[in-house]
N, C-alpha and C. Protein backbone atom coordinates (compact mmCIF):
# COMPACT_ATOMS: atom_id res chain seq x y z
N MET A 1 -29.78 77.80 71.26
CA MET A 1 -28.64 77.56 70.42
C MET A 1 -27.86 78.85 70.20
N ASN A 2 -28.54 79.97 70.07
CA ASN A 2 -27.89 81.24 69.85
C ASN A 2 -26.97 81.60 71.01
N SER A 3 -27.37 81.31 72.26
CA SER A 3 -26.54 81.64 73.40
C SER A 3 -25.29 80.77 73.47
N ILE A 4 -25.33 79.58 72.89
CA ILE A 4 -24.14 78.73 72.85
C ILE A 4 -23.10 79.35 71.92
N ILE A 5 -23.52 79.83 70.79
CA ILE A 5 -22.60 80.43 69.82
C ILE A 5 -22.03 81.74 70.36
N THR A 6 -22.84 82.55 70.99
CA THR A 6 -22.38 83.86 71.47
C THR A 6 -21.77 83.78 72.86
N GLY A 7 -21.80 82.60 73.47
CA GLY A 7 -21.25 82.47 74.81
C GLY A 7 -22.13 83.09 75.86
N GLY A 8 -23.39 83.29 75.56
CA GLY A 8 -24.32 83.84 76.53
C GLY A 8 -24.32 85.35 76.58
N TYR A 9 -23.59 86.00 75.69
CA TYR A 9 -23.53 87.47 75.67
C TYR A 9 -24.54 88.00 74.69
N SER A 10 -25.23 89.06 75.08
CA SER A 10 -26.25 89.63 74.21
C SER A 10 -25.70 90.75 73.33
N SER A 11 -24.50 91.25 73.65
CA SER A 11 -23.91 92.32 72.84
C SER A 11 -22.39 92.23 72.86
N ILE A 12 -21.77 92.89 71.93
CA ILE A 12 -20.32 92.95 71.88
C ILE A 12 -19.78 93.69 73.10
N GLU A 13 -20.48 94.74 73.53
CA GLU A 13 -20.05 95.49 74.69
C GLU A 13 -20.03 94.63 75.94
N GLN A 14 -21.06 93.77 76.08
CA GLN A 14 -21.13 92.90 77.24
C GLN A 14 -19.97 91.90 77.20
N ALA A 15 -19.69 91.34 76.05
CA ALA A 15 -18.58 90.39 75.92
C ALA A 15 -17.25 91.08 76.19
N ALA A 16 -17.09 92.28 75.67
CA ALA A 16 -15.85 93.02 75.87
C ALA A 16 -15.67 93.35 77.36
N GLY A 17 -16.74 93.70 78.02
CA GLY A 17 -16.68 94.01 79.45
C GLY A 17 -16.29 92.80 80.27
N LYS A 18 -16.83 91.65 79.96
CA LYS A 18 -16.49 90.42 80.67
C LYS A 18 -15.03 90.03 80.42
N LEU A 19 -14.58 90.15 79.18
CA LEU A 19 -13.22 89.77 78.86
C LEU A 19 -12.21 90.71 79.49
N SER A 20 -12.51 91.99 79.55
CA SER A 20 -11.56 92.95 80.12
C SER A 20 -11.43 92.79 81.63
N ASN A 21 -12.45 92.19 82.28
CA ASN A 21 -12.39 91.96 83.72
C ASN A 21 -11.55 90.74 84.08
N LYS A 22 -11.28 89.87 83.10
CA LYS A 22 -10.44 88.69 83.35
C LYS A 22 -8.98 89.11 83.40
N LYS A 23 -8.20 88.35 84.17
CA LYS A 23 -6.76 88.63 84.22
C LYS A 23 -6.13 88.26 82.89
N ASP A 24 -5.07 88.96 82.56
CA ASP A 24 -4.32 88.69 81.33
C ASP A 24 -3.58 87.38 81.48
N THR A 25 -4.00 86.38 80.69
CA THR A 25 -3.36 85.07 80.76
C THR A 25 -2.39 84.85 79.61
N SER A 26 -2.08 85.90 78.88
CA SER A 26 -1.18 85.73 77.74
C SER A 26 0.26 85.55 78.17
N GLN A 27 0.58 85.91 79.42
CA GLN A 27 1.94 85.74 79.91
C GLN A 27 2.00 84.52 80.80
N ALA A 28 3.07 83.75 80.64
CA ALA A 28 3.26 82.57 81.46
C ALA A 28 3.60 82.98 82.88
N ALA A 29 3.31 82.10 83.81
CA ALA A 29 3.64 82.38 85.20
C ALA A 29 5.14 82.57 85.33
N GLY A 30 5.55 83.59 86.05
CA GLY A 30 6.96 83.86 86.25
C GLY A 30 7.59 84.63 85.09
N SER A 31 6.82 84.92 84.08
CA SER A 31 7.35 85.66 82.93
C SER A 31 7.56 87.11 83.30
N SER A 32 8.58 87.71 82.71
CA SER A 32 8.88 89.10 83.03
C SER A 32 8.01 90.07 82.25
N GLY A 33 7.26 89.59 81.27
CA GLY A 33 6.41 90.46 80.49
C GLY A 33 7.15 91.17 79.37
N ILE A 34 8.39 90.82 79.13
CA ILE A 34 9.18 91.44 78.07
C ILE A 34 8.98 90.65 76.79
N SER A 35 8.73 91.34 75.71
CA SER A 35 8.53 90.66 74.43
C SER A 35 9.85 90.17 73.87
N PHE A 36 9.75 89.25 72.96
CA PHE A 36 10.95 88.70 72.32
C PHE A 36 11.75 89.80 71.63
N GLN A 37 11.07 90.72 71.00
CA GLN A 37 11.75 91.81 70.32
C GLN A 37 12.50 92.70 71.31
N ASP A 38 11.92 92.93 72.48
CA ASP A 38 12.61 93.71 73.51
C ASP A 38 13.88 93.01 73.96
N ILE A 39 13.80 91.69 74.09
CA ILE A 39 14.98 90.93 74.49
C ILE A 39 16.06 91.04 73.43
N LEU A 40 15.68 90.97 72.18
CA LEU A 40 16.67 91.12 71.11
C LEU A 40 17.33 92.49 71.14
N LYS A 41 16.56 93.51 71.44
CA LYS A 41 17.12 94.86 71.51
C LYS A 41 18.13 94.98 72.65
N GLN A 42 17.88 94.23 73.72
CA GLN A 42 18.75 94.30 74.89
C GLN A 42 19.99 93.42 74.74
N LYS A 43 20.01 92.59 73.72
CA LYS A 43 21.13 91.65 73.56
C LYS A 43 22.43 92.41 73.48
N LYS A 44 23.43 91.88 74.11
CA LYS A 44 24.70 92.58 74.24
C LYS A 44 25.65 92.22 73.11
N ASN A 45 26.72 92.98 72.99
CA ASN A 45 27.71 92.68 71.96
C ASN A 45 28.49 91.42 72.32
N ILE A 46 29.33 90.98 71.44
CA ILE A 46 30.08 89.73 71.61
C ILE A 46 30.89 89.73 72.89
N ALA A 47 31.53 90.80 73.19
CA ALA A 47 32.38 90.84 74.38
C ALA A 47 31.56 90.67 75.66
N GLU A 48 30.42 91.31 75.75
CA GLU A 48 29.59 91.17 76.93
C GLU A 48 29.01 89.77 77.02
N ALA A 49 28.73 89.16 75.88
CA ALA A 49 28.27 87.77 75.88
C ALA A 49 29.36 86.86 76.43
N ALA A 50 30.60 87.15 76.10
CA ALA A 50 31.71 86.37 76.64
C ALA A 50 31.75 86.52 78.15
N ASN A 51 31.44 87.70 78.64
CA ASN A 51 31.40 87.91 80.08
C ASN A 51 30.32 87.05 80.72
N GLU A 52 29.19 86.90 80.05
CA GLU A 52 28.13 86.06 80.57
C GLU A 52 28.57 84.60 80.63
N VAL A 53 29.27 84.14 79.61
CA VAL A 53 29.75 82.76 79.58
C VAL A 53 30.68 82.50 80.75
N SER A 54 31.47 83.47 81.10
CA SER A 54 32.46 83.28 82.17
C SER A 54 31.86 83.47 83.56
N GLY A 55 30.55 83.55 83.66
CA GLY A 55 29.92 83.60 84.97
C GLY A 55 29.49 84.98 85.42
N GLY A 56 29.65 85.99 84.60
CA GLY A 56 29.21 87.32 84.96
C GLY A 56 30.17 88.07 85.87
N GLU A 57 31.09 87.39 86.50
CA GLU A 57 32.04 88.04 87.39
C GLU A 57 33.39 88.19 86.72
N GLY A 58 33.53 87.69 85.53
CA GLY A 58 34.82 87.69 84.85
C GLY A 58 35.08 88.96 84.09
N VAL A 59 36.07 88.87 83.23
CA VAL A 59 36.48 90.04 82.47
C VAL A 59 35.41 90.43 81.47
N LYS A 60 35.41 91.73 81.16
CA LYS A 60 34.59 92.23 80.06
C LYS A 60 35.56 92.84 79.06
N PHE A 61 35.09 93.09 77.89
CA PHE A 61 35.94 93.58 76.82
C PHE A 61 35.51 94.99 76.42
N SER A 62 36.48 95.89 76.32
CA SER A 62 36.19 97.24 75.86
C SER A 62 35.80 97.18 74.39
N LYS A 63 35.25 98.27 73.90
CA LYS A 63 34.90 98.33 72.48
C LYS A 63 36.13 98.14 71.61
N HIS A 64 37.24 98.75 72.05
CA HIS A 64 38.49 98.64 71.30
C HIS A 64 38.95 97.18 71.26
N ALA A 65 38.92 96.50 72.40
CA ALA A 65 39.35 95.10 72.45
C ALA A 65 38.42 94.23 71.61
N ASP A 66 37.13 94.50 71.68
CA ASP A 66 36.16 93.76 70.89
C ASP A 66 36.45 93.93 69.40
N MET A 67 36.76 95.16 68.99
CA MET A 67 37.08 95.44 67.60
C MET A 67 38.36 94.70 67.19
N ARG A 68 39.37 94.70 68.06
CA ARG A 68 40.63 94.01 67.77
C ARG A 68 40.42 92.50 67.64
N LEU A 69 39.59 91.93 68.49
CA LEU A 69 39.29 90.50 68.38
C LEU A 69 38.67 90.17 67.02
N LYS A 70 37.75 91.01 66.60
CA LYS A 70 37.09 90.79 65.31
C LYS A 70 38.08 90.98 64.16
N GLN A 71 38.86 92.08 64.19
CA GLN A 71 39.82 92.37 63.12
C GLN A 71 40.85 91.26 62.98
N ARG A 72 41.28 90.73 64.09
CA ARG A 72 42.36 89.74 64.08
C ARG A 72 41.82 88.31 64.07
N ASP A 73 40.52 88.18 63.92
CA ASP A 73 39.86 86.88 63.84
C ASP A 73 40.24 85.98 65.02
N ILE A 74 40.19 86.57 66.21
CA ILE A 74 40.50 85.83 67.43
C ILE A 74 39.19 85.44 68.11
N THR A 75 39.03 84.15 68.34
CA THR A 75 37.89 83.66 69.09
C THR A 75 38.42 82.92 70.31
N LEU A 76 37.77 83.13 71.42
CA LEU A 76 38.19 82.51 72.67
C LEU A 76 37.24 81.39 73.06
N THR A 77 37.80 80.29 73.49
CA THR A 77 36.99 79.19 74.00
C THR A 77 36.60 79.49 75.44
N ASP A 78 35.66 78.73 75.96
CA ASP A 78 35.26 78.89 77.37
C ASP A 78 36.46 78.65 78.28
N GLU A 79 37.28 77.68 77.93
CA GLU A 79 38.47 77.37 78.73
C GLU A 79 39.45 78.54 78.71
N GLN A 80 39.64 79.17 77.56
CA GLN A 80 40.54 80.32 77.47
C GLN A 80 39.99 81.50 78.27
N LEU A 81 38.67 81.72 78.20
CA LEU A 81 38.06 82.80 78.99
C LEU A 81 38.25 82.55 80.48
N SER A 82 38.13 81.31 80.87
CA SER A 82 38.34 80.96 82.27
C SER A 82 39.79 81.24 82.69
N ARG A 83 40.74 80.88 81.85
CA ARG A 83 42.15 81.14 82.13
C ARG A 83 42.45 82.64 82.15
N LEU A 84 41.84 83.39 81.25
CA LEU A 84 42.02 84.85 81.22
C LEU A 84 41.48 85.46 82.51
N ASN A 85 40.33 84.98 82.97
CA ASN A 85 39.77 85.44 84.24
C ASN A 85 40.71 85.11 85.39
N GLU A 86 41.27 83.91 85.37
CA GLU A 86 42.20 83.49 86.42
C GLU A 86 43.44 84.38 86.43
N GLY A 87 44.00 84.64 85.25
CA GLY A 87 45.17 85.51 85.16
C GLY A 87 44.88 86.92 85.63
N THR A 88 43.72 87.43 85.30
CA THR A 88 43.31 88.77 85.73
C THR A 88 43.18 88.83 87.24
N GLN A 89 42.58 87.79 87.81
CA GLN A 89 42.41 87.74 89.26
C GLN A 89 43.77 87.68 89.96
N LYS A 90 44.68 86.85 89.44
CA LYS A 90 46.02 86.75 90.04
C LYS A 90 46.75 88.09 89.98
N ALA A 91 46.64 88.77 88.85
CA ALA A 91 47.29 90.08 88.70
C ALA A 91 46.72 91.08 89.70
N GLY A 92 45.40 91.08 89.86
CA GLY A 92 44.77 91.99 90.81
C GLY A 92 45.21 91.71 92.24
N LEU A 93 45.34 90.44 92.59
CA LEU A 93 45.77 90.07 93.94
C LEU A 93 47.20 90.52 94.22
N LYS A 94 48.02 90.62 93.19
CA LYS A 94 49.41 91.07 93.35
C LYS A 94 49.53 92.59 93.29
N GLY A 95 48.42 93.29 93.10
CA GLY A 95 48.44 94.75 93.09
C GLY A 95 48.72 95.35 91.71
N ILE A 96 48.70 94.53 90.68
CA ILE A 96 48.92 95.03 89.32
C ILE A 96 47.65 95.74 88.86
N ARG A 97 47.80 96.92 88.33
CA ARG A 97 46.65 97.69 87.85
C ARG A 97 46.40 97.47 86.36
N GLU A 98 47.44 97.56 85.57
CA GLU A 98 47.35 97.33 84.13
C GLU A 98 48.24 96.14 83.82
N SER A 99 47.64 95.02 83.52
CA SER A 99 48.39 93.77 83.39
C SER A 99 48.45 93.30 81.94
N LEU A 100 49.59 92.73 81.60
CA LEU A 100 49.73 92.00 80.35
C LEU A 100 49.48 90.53 80.71
N VAL A 101 48.46 89.94 80.13
CA VAL A 101 48.16 88.53 80.36
C VAL A 101 48.50 87.79 79.08
N ILE A 102 49.47 86.88 79.18
CA ILE A 102 49.89 86.10 78.01
C ILE A 102 49.36 84.68 78.18
N MET A 103 48.69 84.21 77.16
CA MET A 103 48.07 82.89 77.20
C MET A 103 48.14 82.30 75.80
N ASP A 104 48.68 81.08 75.71
CA ASP A 104 48.85 80.42 74.42
C ASP A 104 49.66 81.35 73.52
N ASP A 105 49.14 81.70 72.36
CA ASP A 105 49.84 82.66 71.49
C ASP A 105 49.12 84.01 71.49
N LEU A 106 48.35 84.29 72.56
CA LEU A 106 47.56 85.50 72.67
C LEU A 106 48.08 86.39 73.79
N ALA A 107 47.93 87.71 73.62
CA ALA A 107 48.31 88.67 74.64
C ALA A 107 47.15 89.64 74.85
N PHE A 108 46.87 89.92 76.12
CA PHE A 108 45.78 90.82 76.48
C PHE A 108 46.30 91.86 77.46
N ILE A 109 45.93 93.10 77.26
CA ILE A 109 46.17 94.15 78.24
C ILE A 109 44.86 94.29 79.02
N VAL A 110 44.93 94.10 80.35
CA VAL A 110 43.72 94.07 81.17
C VAL A 110 43.84 95.08 82.31
N ASN A 111 42.82 95.90 82.47
CA ASN A 111 42.70 96.76 83.64
C ASN A 111 42.10 95.88 84.73
N THR A 112 42.90 95.55 85.75
CA THR A 112 42.47 94.58 86.74
C THR A 112 41.39 95.11 87.67
N LYS A 113 41.40 96.42 87.93
CA LYS A 113 40.40 96.97 88.84
C LYS A 113 38.99 96.84 88.25
N SER A 114 38.85 97.19 86.98
CA SER A 114 37.54 97.11 86.33
C SER A 114 37.33 95.77 85.62
N LYS A 115 38.36 94.92 85.64
CA LYS A 115 38.32 93.62 84.95
C LYS A 115 37.93 93.79 83.49
N THR A 116 38.57 94.76 82.84
CA THR A 116 38.27 95.06 81.45
C THR A 116 39.48 94.82 80.57
N VAL A 117 39.28 94.01 79.53
CA VAL A 117 40.34 93.81 78.54
C VAL A 117 40.38 95.05 77.67
N VAL A 118 41.55 95.69 77.64
CA VAL A 118 41.70 96.95 76.91
C VAL A 118 42.04 96.67 75.44
N THR A 119 42.91 95.69 75.20
CA THR A 119 43.24 95.31 73.83
C THR A 119 43.67 93.85 73.82
N ALA A 120 43.64 93.26 72.65
CA ALA A 120 44.00 91.86 72.48
C ALA A 120 44.75 91.68 71.17
N MET A 121 45.71 90.75 71.19
CA MET A 121 46.44 90.47 69.95
C MET A 121 46.98 89.06 70.00
N ASP A 122 47.33 88.53 68.85
CA ASP A 122 48.02 87.24 68.82
C ASP A 122 49.46 87.48 68.38
N GLN A 123 50.29 86.46 68.50
CA GLN A 123 51.72 86.62 68.20
C GLN A 123 51.94 87.03 66.75
N ASN A 124 51.09 86.60 65.87
CA ASN A 124 51.26 86.93 64.45
C ASN A 124 51.04 88.41 64.17
N ASN A 125 50.27 89.09 65.00
CA ASN A 125 49.93 90.49 64.75
C ASN A 125 50.73 91.49 65.58
N SER A 126 51.50 91.02 66.55
CA SER A 126 52.28 91.96 67.34
C SER A 126 53.63 92.16 66.66
N GLU A 127 53.81 93.33 66.11
CA GLU A 127 54.98 93.62 65.27
C GLU A 127 56.29 93.59 66.07
N ASP A 128 56.38 94.38 67.11
CA ASP A 128 57.63 94.53 67.84
C ASP A 128 57.64 93.79 69.17
N ASN A 129 56.50 93.19 69.54
CA ASN A 129 56.36 92.57 70.85
C ASN A 129 56.71 93.55 71.97
N ILE A 130 56.29 94.80 71.81
CA ILE A 130 56.49 95.83 72.82
C ILE A 130 55.12 96.18 73.39
N PHE A 131 55.03 96.15 74.72
CA PHE A 131 53.77 96.45 75.39
C PHE A 131 54.03 97.61 76.34
N THR A 132 53.22 98.65 76.22
CA THR A 132 53.39 99.84 77.04
C THR A 132 52.22 100.00 77.99
N ASN A 133 52.39 100.87 78.95
CA ASN A 133 51.33 101.22 79.91
C ASN A 133 50.86 100.02 80.72
N ILE A 134 51.80 99.15 81.11
CA ILE A 134 51.48 98.04 81.99
C ILE A 134 52.38 98.14 83.23
N ASP A 135 51.95 97.58 84.31
CA ASP A 135 52.81 97.55 85.50
C ASP A 135 53.01 96.13 86.02
N GLY A 136 52.69 95.14 85.19
CA GLY A 136 52.94 93.76 85.54
C GLY A 136 52.47 92.83 84.45
N ALA A 137 52.89 91.58 84.54
CA ALA A 137 52.51 90.59 83.53
C ALA A 137 52.21 89.26 84.20
N VAL A 138 51.30 88.52 83.59
CA VAL A 138 50.96 87.18 84.05
C VAL A 138 51.01 86.27 82.82
N ILE A 139 51.71 85.16 82.98
CA ILE A 139 51.78 84.18 81.89
C ILE A 139 51.01 82.95 82.37
N ILE A 140 49.97 82.62 81.64
CA ILE A 140 49.15 81.46 82.04
C ILE A 140 49.04 80.46 80.90
């Protein structure tokens, strides 16, 4: 009966030796071995998450643009992100380097080479409707 309770081990050292020789089964098959806390630490800011939603190949947002989106309480739908990506791609194909992309009542300055939104605004927040440092515009 004693060997049933102890699992047939006569000492703690023997049990520890047997257990350490077994493969680690705490990770599921195909798991990367990263803890949940590590994943949380790696989580990206809102702008990079938007890039993930758009397929990873779409636009990303600079820190400045991300800050402007938050300050101006601008949220983009998946459909709007898709249209912004489309406008950025069209601008790049036409050779535009710094593009003004106008969509709905929103305006974005996008560096087409890096596919990075430099700044964002809505019609209510653009005082003079003057945009500088662009070499083309796309209205979508």
